[in-house]
C-alpha atoms as a PDB file:
ATOM      1  CA  MET A   1      88.265  20.179 137.932  1.00  0.00           C
ATOM      2  CA  LYS A   2      85.177  21.073 140.511  1.00  0.00           C
ATOM      3  CA  LYS A   3      85.644  23.567 142.927  1.00  0.00           C
ATOM      4  CA  ILE A   4      85.587  22.020 146.406  1.00  0.00           C
ATOM      5  CA  PHE A   5      85.406  24.909 148.896  1.00  0.00           C
ATOM      6  CA  GLN A   6      83.085  27.747 148.909  1.00  0.00           C
ATOM      7  CA  PRO A   7      83.942  31.145 149.917  1.00  0.00           C
ATOM      8  CA  VAL A   8      82.896  32.105 153.226  1.00  0.00           C
ATOM      9  CA  MET A   9      82.489  35.261 155.186  1.00  0.00           C
ATOM     10  CA  VAL A  10      85.210  35.971 157.928  1.00  0.00           C
ATOM     11  CA  PHE A  11      84.246  37.451 161.074  1.00  0.00           C
ATOM     12  CA  PRO A  12      86.583  39.023 163.551  1.00  0.00           C
ATOM     13  CA  GLY A  13      87.203  37.440 166.403  1.00  0.00           C
ATOM     14  CA  GLY A  14      88.272  38.133 170.056  1.00  0.00           C
ATOM     15  CA  LEU A  15      86.875  40.880 172.149  1.00  0.00           C
ATOM     16  CA  SER A  16      86.550  43.112 168.935  1.00  0.00           C
ATOM     17  CA  GLY A  17      84.211  40.552 167.599  1.00  0.00           C
ATOM     18  CA  LEU A  18      82.570  40.667 170.820  1.00  0.00           C
ATOM     19  CA  GLY A  19      82.056  44.423 170.353  1.00  0.00           C
ATOM     20  CA  LEU A  20      80.855  44.039 166.721  1.00  0.00           C
ATOM     21  CA  ALA A  21      78.268  41.693 167.953  1.00  0.00           C
ATOM     22  CA  ALA A  22      77.421  43.689 171.057  1.00  0.00           C
ATOM     23  CA  ALA A  23      76.753  46.576 168.551  1.00  0.00           C
ATOM     24  CA  GLU A  24      74.516  44.888 166.288  1.00  0.00           C
ATOM     25  CA  VAL A  25      72.148  43.837 168.469  1.00  0.00           C
ATOM     26  CA  GLY A  26      72.086  47.287 170.301  1.00  0.00           C
ATOM     27  CA  ALA A  27      73.912  46.290 173.245  1.00  0.00           C
ATOM     28  CA  ASN A  28      76.563  48.766 174.886  1.00  0.00           C
ATOM     29  CA  ALA A  29      79.656  47.390 173.342  1.00  0.00           C
ATOM     30  CA  PRO A  30      82.172  49.017 175.375  1.00  0.00           C
ATOM     31  CA  VAL A  31      80.371  47.567 178.708  1.00  0.00           C
ATOM     32  CA  VAL A  32      79.702  44.646 177.338  1.00  0.00           C
ATOM     33  CA  ILE A  33      83.898  44.506 176.292  1.00  0.00           C
ATOM     34  CA  LEU A  34      84.970  46.005 179.578  1.00  0.00           C
ATOM     35  CA  SER A  35      82.797  43.271 181.764  1.00  0.00           C
ATOM     36  CA  HIS A  36      84.455  40.308 180.097  1.00  0.00           C
ATOM     37  CA  VAL A  37      88.293  41.684 180.111  1.00  0.00           C
ATOM     38  CA  ILE A  38      87.037  41.512 183.891  1.00  0.00           C
ATOM     39  CA  ARG A  39      85.860  38.188 184.011  1.00  0.00           C
ATOM     40  CA  ILE A  40      89.379  36.908 181.742  1.00  0.00           C
ATOM     41  CA  VAL A  41      91.365  39.002 184.205  1.00  0.00           C
ATOM     42  CA  ILE A  42      89.600  37.346 187.377  1.00  0.00           C
ATOM     43  CA  LEU A  43      90.076  33.686 185.919  1.00  0.00           C
ATOM     44  CA  ILE A  44      93.777  34.196 185.379  1.00  0.00           C
ATOM     45  CA  LEU A  45      93.864  35.489 188.993  1.00  0.00           C
ATOM     46  CA  ALA A  46      91.750  33.135 190.450  1.00  0.00           C
ATOM     47  CA  VAL A  47      92.921  30.011 188.614  1.00  0.00           C
ATOM     48  CA  PRO A  48      96.668  29.307 190.392  1.00  0.00           C
ATOM     49  CA  VAL A  49      94.960  29.884 193.517  1.00  0.00           C
ATOM     50  CA  VAL A  50      92.798  27.450 193.151  1.00  0.00           C
ATOM     51  CA  ALA A  51      95.147  24.924 191.408  1.00  0.00           C
ATOM     52  CA  LYS A  52      97.421  25.486 194.681  1.00  0.00           C
ATOM     53  CA  ILE A  53      94.562  24.697 197.066  1.00  0.00           C
ATOM     54  CA  VAL A  54      93.229  21.544 195.663  1.00  0.00           C
ATOM     55  CA  CYS A  55      96.805  20.495 195.374  1.00  0.00           C
ATOM     56  CA  ARG A  56      97.747  20.343 199.425  1.00  0.00           C
END
């Protein structure tokens, strides 16, 4: 039987993958991760407020 699936490289996801990618291109990884964490927190806090205003 012929093999259908080829092995693939597995890259870490989420914020650890983001930090790894930032370090690979020479960016400051902690700053990149912190900015994305702040962006995520702002979205989590803002979405319910916007939804409440829109649904009035």
